[in-house]
Amino acid sequence: MKVEDFVKIINSDFYTGVPDSQLRPLCDYLYNTYGIEGKHHIIAANEGNAVGIAAGYHLATGKVPVVYMQNSGEGNAINPMVSLLNEKVYGIPVVFVIGWRGEPGVHDEPQHIYQGEVTLRLLDDMKVKSFVIHADTSDYEVADTMRKFKHILLSGNSVAFVIGKGALTDAPKVRFSNENSMIREEIIRHIIAVTDGDPIISTTGKASRELYEIREINKHSHKYDFLTVGSMGHSSSIALGVALNKTNERIWCIDGDGAVLMHLGAMAVIGDNRPRNMIHIVINNGAHESVGGMPTVARNIDLISIAKACGYPYAVSINNYEKLDRELEKAKTGDELRFLEVRSSIESRKELGRPKTMPLENKKRFMEYLVSL
């Protein structure tokens, strides 16, 4: 169905959430219609954050907000859904719009398979009535469901539209860009040139895909890298766990701005532990590029001051390749926790592939390599 018709049927004037490729028509429509100025649309740091924002909107207005997310974000949202929204607590109604990655019977990447299997079950367990919209679902079916949902919402309960592949269409054309000149894939090439066999933990999305392809092109082994294909926002925590237990090895984390924002508290834990052998590199393009390019607040905030406040003894921002190479060389021979923010453009190759190895295989190779060090 056309995304504009879907929005009209829901009839809410406030949306908040985390962008998703399955929901890109909705995300582009919201950005084109409202931007991200706050009154009608806020891009949240994570899905739980979105639920909290939505609850505040309801408390202030008495109206029903919409929270959008990929189904992988259900885990982040569960706590506020059951301990804040639920009718046995505050009874705050929300309309959830959830992109269904890993839908049974629809081909998808391995990190989405199990989440896809439990998506509807999790909603059922939380007593959230759901309706699945497929590519062939009619406008009438959606409108009729929304009429039924209104009675549920009036009772202080939440509902969910689960969006299948290709279900929303006719989004406005939106192009996202910034003024940064560095390209993420080239940045990763520079990192690889310096690491020389050091273990690398890379974040969810295109960064891991690019790291994998660069290894393929260079005929390098993939044993050096742990590709965090799921669990967005946790690569730096994984790197911390490795660094604290492999103190004689230099551990590199290639992170993204959206991922860092999703679980920003991880930086405080890293800074408090201060592993001398860890280098935390955040490639900041100020966008959720892997799911369409919608902005993150990292385009406007001072990550360097945040890192220093969290306890990182060294933090620097980089906007050219010459400075990048200097900082990478210093990190390679240094003896302290470092935070490198690298400002990049919103850009990737259209033909960018995906890892051909399964996650379990990646884990096994990486662990065997760590044991050999």
Protein backbone atom coordinates (compact mmCIF):
# COMPACT_ATOMS: atom_id res chain seq x y z
CA MET A 1 0.00 0.00 0.00
CA LYS A 2 1.06 3.60 -0.48
CA VAL A 3 2.86 4.93 2.56
CA GLU A 4 0.81 8.14 2.50
CA ASP A 5 -2.39 6.12 2.76
CA PHE A 6 -0.94 4.10 5.63
CA VAL A 7 -0.08 7.29 7.54
CA LYS A 8 -3.56 8.69 6.95
CA ILE A 9 -5.15 5.52 8.31
CA ILE A 10 -3.07 5.63 11.49
CA ASN A 11 -3.91 9.33 11.88
CA SER A 12 -1.26 10.28 14.44
CA ASP A 13 0.67 13.55 14.51
CA PHE A 14 3.75 12.22 16.34
CA TYR A 15 6.28 9.59 15.29
CA THR A 16 9.52 8.50 16.91
CA GLY A 17 11.78 5.53 16.30
CA VAL A 18 14.89 4.04 14.79
CA PRO A 19 15.17 3.84 10.98
CA ASP A 20 14.86 0.48 9.23
CA SER A 21 15.37 -0.54 5.61
CA GLN A 22 12.05 -2.40 5.57
CA LEU A 23 10.39 0.82 6.73
CA ARG A 24 12.35 3.12 4.44
CA PRO A 25 9.19 4.36 2.62
CA LEU A 26 7.77 5.44 5.99
CA CYS A 27 11.06 6.95 7.17
CA ASP A 28 11.49 8.92 3.94
CA TYR A 29 7.87 10.08 4.09
CA LEU A 30 8.27 11.30 7.68
CA TYR A 31 11.52 13.08 6.91
CA ASN A 32 10.07 14.69 3.78
CA THR A 33 6.89 15.76 5.61
CA TYR A 34 8.15 16.70 9.08
CA GLY A 35 11.94 16.66 8.97
CA ILE A 36 13.30 15.90 12.44
CA GLU A 37 12.35 19.12 14.21
CA GLY A 38 10.84 17.35 17.23
CA LYS A 39 7.18 18.37 17.36
CA HIS A 40 6.04 15.68 14.94
CA HIS A 41 9.05 13.40 14.40
CA ILE A 42 12.13 12.41 16.42
CA ILE A 43 14.77 9.86 15.41
CA ALA A 44 15.63 8.15 18.70
CA ALA A 45 18.97 6.76 19.85
CA ASN A 46 17.44 3.33 20.40
CA GLU A 47 14.02 1.73 20.49
CA GLY A 48 13.62 1.95 24.28
CA ASN A 49 14.45 5.64 24.03
CA ALA A 50 11.69 5.96 21.43
CA VAL A 51 9.17 4.31 23.74
CA GLY A 52 10.07 6.77 26.50
CA ILE A 53 9.71 9.76 24.18
CA ALA A 54 6.36 8.43 22.99
CA ALA A 55 5.17 8.00 26.59
CA GLY A 56 6.10 11.60 27.34
CA TYR A 57 4.17 12.76 24.28
CA HIS A 58 1.08 10.90 25.48
CA LEU A 59 1.37 12.30 29.02
CA ALA A 60 1.58 15.84 27.65
CA THR A 61 -1.14 15.58 24.99
CA GLY A 62 -3.39 12.65 25.80
CA LYS A 63 -2.95 11.52 22.18
CA VAL A 64 -1.60 8.26 20.77
CA PRO A 65 1.98 8.31 19.40
CA VAL A 66 3.62 5.99 16.87
CA VAL A 67 6.91 4.19 17.48
CA TYR A 68 8.66 2.67 14.46
CA MET A 69 11.53 0.17 14.50
CA GLN A 70 13.07 -2.88 12.91
CA ASN A 71 12.00 -6.06 14.70
CA SER A 72 15.58 -6.48 15.94
CA GLY A 73 14.82 -3.48 18.16
CA GLU A 74 12.08 -5.28 20.07
CA GLY A 75 14.67 -6.34 22.64
CA ASN A 76 15.62 -2.72 23.37
CA ALA A 77 11.95 -1.81 23.73
CA ILE A 78 10.73 -4.70 25.89
CA ASN A 79 11.57 -3.15 29.27
CA PRO A 80 9.65 0.12 28.81
CA MET A 81 6.88 -1.72 26.97
CA VAL A 82 6.17 -4.03 29.92
CA SER A 83 7.14 -1.79 32.86
CA LEU A 84 5.90 1.57 31.56
CA LEU A 85 3.26 1.21 28.84
CA ASN A 86 1.48 -1.92 30.03
CA GLU A 87 -2.07 -1.56 31.32
CA LYS A 88 -1.02 -3.03 34.70
CA VAL A 89 1.41 -0.16 35.15
CA TYR A 90 0.57 3.22 33.49
CA GLY A 91 -1.62 2.04 30.62
CA ILE A 92 -0.03 4.25 27.95
CA PRO A 93 -1.21 3.42 24.41
CA VAL A 94 1.24 3.35 21.50
CA VAL A 95 0.93 2.26 17.88
CA PHE A 96 4.06 0.30 16.95
CA VAL A 97 5.15 -0.03 13.32
CA ILE A 98 7.69 -2.84 13.06
CA GLY A 99 9.71 -3.88 10.03
CA TRP A 100 9.71 -7.68 9.83
CA ARG A 101 13.22 -8.79 8.92
CA GLY A 102 13.74 -12.55 8.85
CA GLU A 103 10.06 -13.22 8.18
CA PRO A 104 9.67 -17.02 7.90
CA GLY A 105 9.69 -18.07 4.27
CA VAL A 106 11.34 -14.83 3.09
CA HIS A 107 15.09 -14.94 2.38
CA ASP A 108 17.15 -12.73 4.68
CA GLU A 109 20.54 -12.46 6.36
CA PRO A 110 21.42 -14.96 9.14
CA GLN A 111 21.30 -12.42 11.98
CA HIS A 112 17.61 -11.81 11.23
CA ILE A 113 16.42 -15.42 11.06
CA TYR A 114 15.70 -16.16 14.73
CA GLN A 115 14.47 -12.63 15.44
CA GLY A 116 12.07 -13.07 12.55
CA GLU A 117 10.77 -16.30 14.04
CA VAL A 118 9.99 -14.75 17.44
CA THR A 119 8.74 -11.31 16.32
CA LEU A 120 5.03 -12.00 16.61
CA ARG A 121 5.51 -14.26 19.63
CA LEU A 122 7.21 -11.47 21.58
CA LEU A 123 4.33 -9.13 20.83
CA ASP A 124 1.83 -11.79 21.90
CA ASP A 125 3.72 -12.36 25.15
CA MET A 126 3.52 -8.62 25.88
CA LYS A 127 -0.21 -8.59 25.09
CA VAL A 128 0.33 -6.29 22.11
CA LYS A 129 -2.24 -7.08 19.43
CA SER A 130 -0.58 -7.19 16.01
CA PHE A 131 -1.55 -7.17 12.36
CA VAL A 132 0.80 -8.10 9.53
CA ILE A 133 0.79 -5.97 6.38
CA HIS A 134 2.07 -7.77 3.30
CA ALA A 135 2.58 -6.45 -0.22
CA ASP A 136 -0.89 -7.71 -1.18
CA THR A 137 -2.73 -6.41 1.91
CA SER A 138 -5.50 -4.00 0.91
CA ASP A 139 -6.05 -0.50 2.24
CA TYR A 140 -9.48 -1.64 3.42
CA GLU A 141 -7.97 -4.41 5.57
CA VAL A 142 -5.56 -1.97 7.21
CA ALA A 143 -8.28 0.64 7.79
CA ASP A 144 -10.62 -1.99 9.25
CA THR A 145 -7.85 -3.20 11.56
CA MET A 146 -7.13 0.35 12.71
CA ARG A 147 -10.80 0.82 13.59
CA LYS A 148 -10.60 -2.28 15.79
CA PHE A 149 -7.28 -1.14 17.24
CA LYS A 150 -8.83 2.15 18.41
CA HIS A 151 -10.87 0.30 21.03
CA ILE A 152 -7.71 -1.40 22.31
CA LEU A 153 -5.84 1.92 22.44
CA LEU A 154 -8.68 3.57 24.36
CA SER A 155 -8.27 0.90 27.04
CA GLY A 156 -4.63 1.89 27.55
CA ASN A 157 -3.10 -0.96 25.58
CA SER A 158 -0.70 -0.86 22.65
CA VAL A 159 -1.01 -2.35 19.17
CA ALA A 160 1.40 -3.13 16.35
CA PHE A 161 1.47 -3.15 12.57
CA VAL A 162 4.18 -5.57 11.43
CA ILE A 163 5.43 -4.63 7.98
CA GLY A 164 6.48 -7.35 5.56
CA LYS A 165 8.89 -6.96 2.67
CA GLY A 166 7.65 -4.51 0.03
CA ALA A 167 4.43 -3.76 1.91
CA LEU A 168 4.85 0.05 1.89
CA THR A 169 5.42 1.83 -1.40
CA ASP A 170 5.48 5.21 -3.18
CA ALA A 171 7.84 7.01 -0.83
CA PRO A 172 9.05 10.49 -1.79
CA LYS A 173 12.58 10.72 -3.15
CA VAL A 174 14.92 11.77 -0.35
CA ARG A 175 18.69 12.08 -0.64
CA PHE A 176 20.92 12.37 2.41
CA SER A 177 24.41 13.83 2.29
CA ASN A 178 26.94 15.79 4.34
CA GLU A 179 30.02 17.91 3.62
CA ASN A 180 32.63 15.35 4.70
CA SER A 181 35.08 14.21 2.02
CA MET A 182 36.43 10.97 3.49
CA ILE A 183 34.80 7.69 2.39
CA ARG A 184 34.17 4.94 4.94
CA GLU A 185 35.47 2.08 2.79
CA GLU A 186 38.72 3.97 2.16
CA ILE A 187 38.99 4.75 5.88
CA ILE A 188 38.74 1.02 6.61
CA ARG A 189 41.45 0.32 4.03
CA HIS A 190 43.77 2.70 5.89
CA ILE A 191 42.93 0.97 9.18
CA ILE A 192 43.69 -2.48 7.76
CA ALA A 193 47.01 -1.25 6.38
CA VAL A 194 48.15 -0.43 9.92
CA THR A 195 46.61 -3.20 12.03
CA ASP A 196 48.87 -5.92 10.53
CA GLY A 197 47.05 -8.95 11.91
CA ASP A 198 45.71 -7.32 15.08
CA PRO A 199 42.17 -8.48 15.96
CA ILE A 200 39.39 -6.18 14.73
CA ILE A 201 35.81 -6.07 15.97
CA SER A 202 33.56 -4.23 13.50
CA THR A 203 30.07 -2.85 13.93
CA THR A 204 26.72 -3.74 12.40
CA GLY A 205 25.92 -2.68 8.84
CA LYS A 206 28.03 -1.55 5.93
CA ALA A 207 31.27 -1.18 7.90
CA SER A 208 31.45 -4.95 8.45
CA ARG A 209 30.43 -5.62 4.86
CA GLU A 210 33.19 -3.34 3.60
CA LEU A 211 35.76 -4.86 5.95
CA TYR A 212 34.85 -8.33 4.65
CA GLU A 213 35.13 -7.26 1.00
CA ILE A 214 38.47 -5.51 1.53
CA ARG A 215 39.84 -8.72 3.06
CA GLU A 216 38.56 -10.62 0.03
CA ILE A 217 40.14 -8.20 -2.44
CA ASN A 218 43.45 -8.23 -0.53
CA LYS A 219 43.31 -12.04 -0.19
CA HIS A 220 43.60 -11.68 3.59
CA SER A 221 42.27 -14.22 6.04
CA HIS A 222 38.97 -13.38 7.72
CA LYS A 223 40.25 -14.87 10.98
CA TYR A 224 41.44 -11.44 12.15
CA ASP A 225 37.93 -9.96 12.24
CA PHE A 226 34.79 -10.41 14.30
CA LEU A 227 31.92 -9.04 12.22
CA THR A 228 29.14 -7.88 14.55
CA VAL A 229 26.40 -8.43 11.97
CA GLY A 230 23.61 -8.11 14.57
CA SER A 231 23.28 -6.60 18.07
CA MET A 232 23.73 -3.01 16.91
CA GLY A 233 25.61 -0.85 19.38
CA HIS A 234 27.49 -3.65 21.12
CA SER A 235 30.71 -3.98 19.09
CA SER A 236 32.65 -1.72 21.47
CA SER A 237 31.51 -3.82 24.43
CA ILE A 238 32.61 -6.98 22.64
CA ALA A 239 35.97 -5.32 21.95
CA LEU A 240 36.29 -4.40 25.64
CA GLY A 241 35.68 -8.00 26.66
CA VAL A 242 38.37 -9.17 24.24
CA ALA A 243 40.85 -6.44 25.18
CA LEU A 244 40.61 -7.15 28.92
CA ASN A 245 41.43 -10.81 28.30
CA LYS A 246 44.08 -10.39 25.58
CA THR A 247 46.16 -7.70 27.25
CA ASN A 248 49.27 -8.37 25.15
CA GLU A 249 47.42 -7.80 21.87
CA ARG A 250 46.22 -4.57 20.33
CA ILE A 251 42.43 -4.73 19.87
CA TRP A 252 40.74 -2.45 17.31
CA CYS A 253 37.05 -1.60 17.23
CA ILE A 254 35.56 -0.12 14.06
CA ASP A 255 32.32 1.49 15.21
CA GLY A 256 29.63 3.75 13.74
CA ASP A 257 27.90 6.84 15.05
CA GLY A 258 24.42 5.31 15.09
CA ALA A 259 25.73 2.26 16.92
CA VAL A 260 27.61 4.37 19.50
CA LEU A 261 24.49 6.42 20.20
CA MET A 262 22.33 3.33 20.57
CA HIS A 263 24.21 2.22 23.70
CA LEU A 264 26.25 5.26 24.66
CA GLY A 265 26.70 4.00 28.21
CA ALA A 266 29.20 1.44 26.87
CA MET A 267 31.72 4.28 26.46
CA ALA A 268 31.50 5.07 30.16
CA VAL A 269 32.25 1.44 31.02
CA ILE A 270 35.16 1.34 28.55
CA GLY A 271 36.55 4.60 29.92
CA ASP A 272 36.28 3.36 33.49
CA ASN A 273 38.12 0.11 32.69
CA ARG A 274 40.59 1.97 30.46
CA PRO A 275 42.17 -0.99 28.61
CA ARG A 276 45.57 0.21 27.39
CA ASN A 277 45.45 -2.08 24.36
CA MET A 278 42.13 -0.95 22.84
CA ILE A 279 41.60 1.55 20.02
CA HIS A 280 37.98 2.65 19.56
CA ILE A 281 37.41 4.13 16.09
CA VAL A 282 34.03 5.71 15.36
CA ILE A 283 33.38 6.41 11.69
CA ASN A 284 30.89 9.26 11.97
CA ASN A 285 28.81 10.18 8.93
CA GLY A 286 25.93 11.50 11.04
CA ALA A 287 23.55 9.03 9.45
CA HIS A 288 21.90 5.63 9.68
CA GLU A 289 23.36 4.89 6.25
CA SER A 290 22.91 1.12 6.25
CA VAL A 291 19.13 1.56 6.42
CA GLY A 292 18.69 4.56 4.14
CA GLY A 293 20.74 7.48 5.44
CA MET A 294 18.41 9.23 7.88
CA PRO A 295 20.32 11.57 10.24
CA THR A 296 21.67 10.77 13.69
CA VAL A 297 22.30 13.38 16.36
CA ALA A 298 26.01 12.55 16.11
CA ARG A 299 26.20 15.06 13.27
CA ASN A 300 25.82 17.83 15.87
CA ILE A 301 27.31 16.53 19.13
CA ASP A 302 30.89 16.56 20.42
CA LEU A 303 31.91 12.91 20.64
CA ILE A 304 35.46 13.86 21.62
CA SER A 305 34.29 15.68 24.76
CA ILE A 306 31.97 12.78 25.55
CA ALA A 307 34.83 10.29 25.22
CA LYS A 308 37.07 12.35 27.49
CA ALA A 309 34.29 12.77 30.03
CA CYS A 310 33.82 8.98 29.99
CA GLY A 311 37.47 8.49 30.90
CA TYR A 312 39.23 7.92 27.58
CA PRO A 313 42.71 9.38 28.14
CA TYR A 314 43.15 10.21 24.44
CA ALA A 315 40.44 11.32 21.99
CA VAL A 316 40.77 13.13 18.68
CA SER A 317 38.57 14.00 15.67
CA ILE A 318 39.89 13.36 12.15
CA ASN A 319 38.70 14.80 8.84
CA ASN A 320 41.48 13.94 6.34
CA TYR A 321 43.54 10.91 5.38
CA GLU A 322 46.88 12.44 6.35
CA LYS A 323 45.76 12.97 9.93
CA LEU A 324 44.11 9.55 9.92
CA ASP A 325 47.39 7.84 8.99
CA ARG A 326 49.30 9.76 11.68
CA GLU A 327 46.77 8.87 14.36
CA LEU A 328 46.63 5.22 13.31
CA GLU A 329 50.42 4.92 13.52
CA LYS A 330 50.40 6.54 16.97
CA ALA A 331 47.65 4.16 18.07
CA LYS A 332 49.58 1.15 16.75
CA THR A 333 52.59 1.93 18.91
CA GLY A 334 50.81 3.64 21.81
CA ASP A 335 50.10 2.31 25.26
CA GLU A 336 46.72 3.78 26.22
CA LEU A 337 43.04 3.56 25.41
CA ARG A 338 42.33 5.76 22.38
CA PHE A 339 39.19 7.18 20.79
CA LEU A 340 39.39 8.23 17.15
CA GLU A 341 36.38 9.91 15.56
CA VAL A 342 36.71 9.86 11.77
CA ARG A 343 34.31 12.13 9.91
CA SER A 344 33.07 10.50 6.69
CA SER A 345 30.65 11.09 3.85
CA ILE A 346 27.36 9.24 3.41
CA GLU A 347 28.52 7.03 0.60
CA SER A 348 29.05 3.39 -0.34
CA ARG A 349 29.36 1.29 -3.46
CA LYS A 350 26.05 0.21 -4.97
CA GLU A 351 27.47 -3.27 -5.66
CA LEU A 352 28.66 -3.73 -2.08
CA GLY A 353 28.24 -7.39 -1.16
CA ARG A 354 27.62 -9.22 2.07
CA PRO A 355 29.77 -11.72 4.01
CA LYS A 356 29.64 -15.18 2.47
CA THR A 357 30.64 -16.90 5.71
CA MET A 358 28.05 -17.75 8.34
CA PRO A 359 28.31 -16.06 11.77
CA LEU A 360 29.20 -19.33 13.52
CA GLU A 361 32.06 -19.86 11.10
CA ASN A 362 33.26 -16.28 11.67
CA LYS A 363 33.17 -16.82 15.44
CA LYS A 364 35.08 -20.10 15.25
CA ARG A 365 37.87 -18.68 13.08
CA PHE A 366 38.19 -15.57 15.22
CA MET A 367 38.34 -17.54 18.47
CA GLU A 368 40.93 -19.94 17.06
CA TYR A 369 43.03 -16.95 16.04
CA LEU A 370 42.76 -15.37 19.48
CA VAL A 371 43.87 -18.64 21.07
CA SER A 372 46.92 -18.74 18.77
CA LEU A 373 48.12 -15.26 19.81
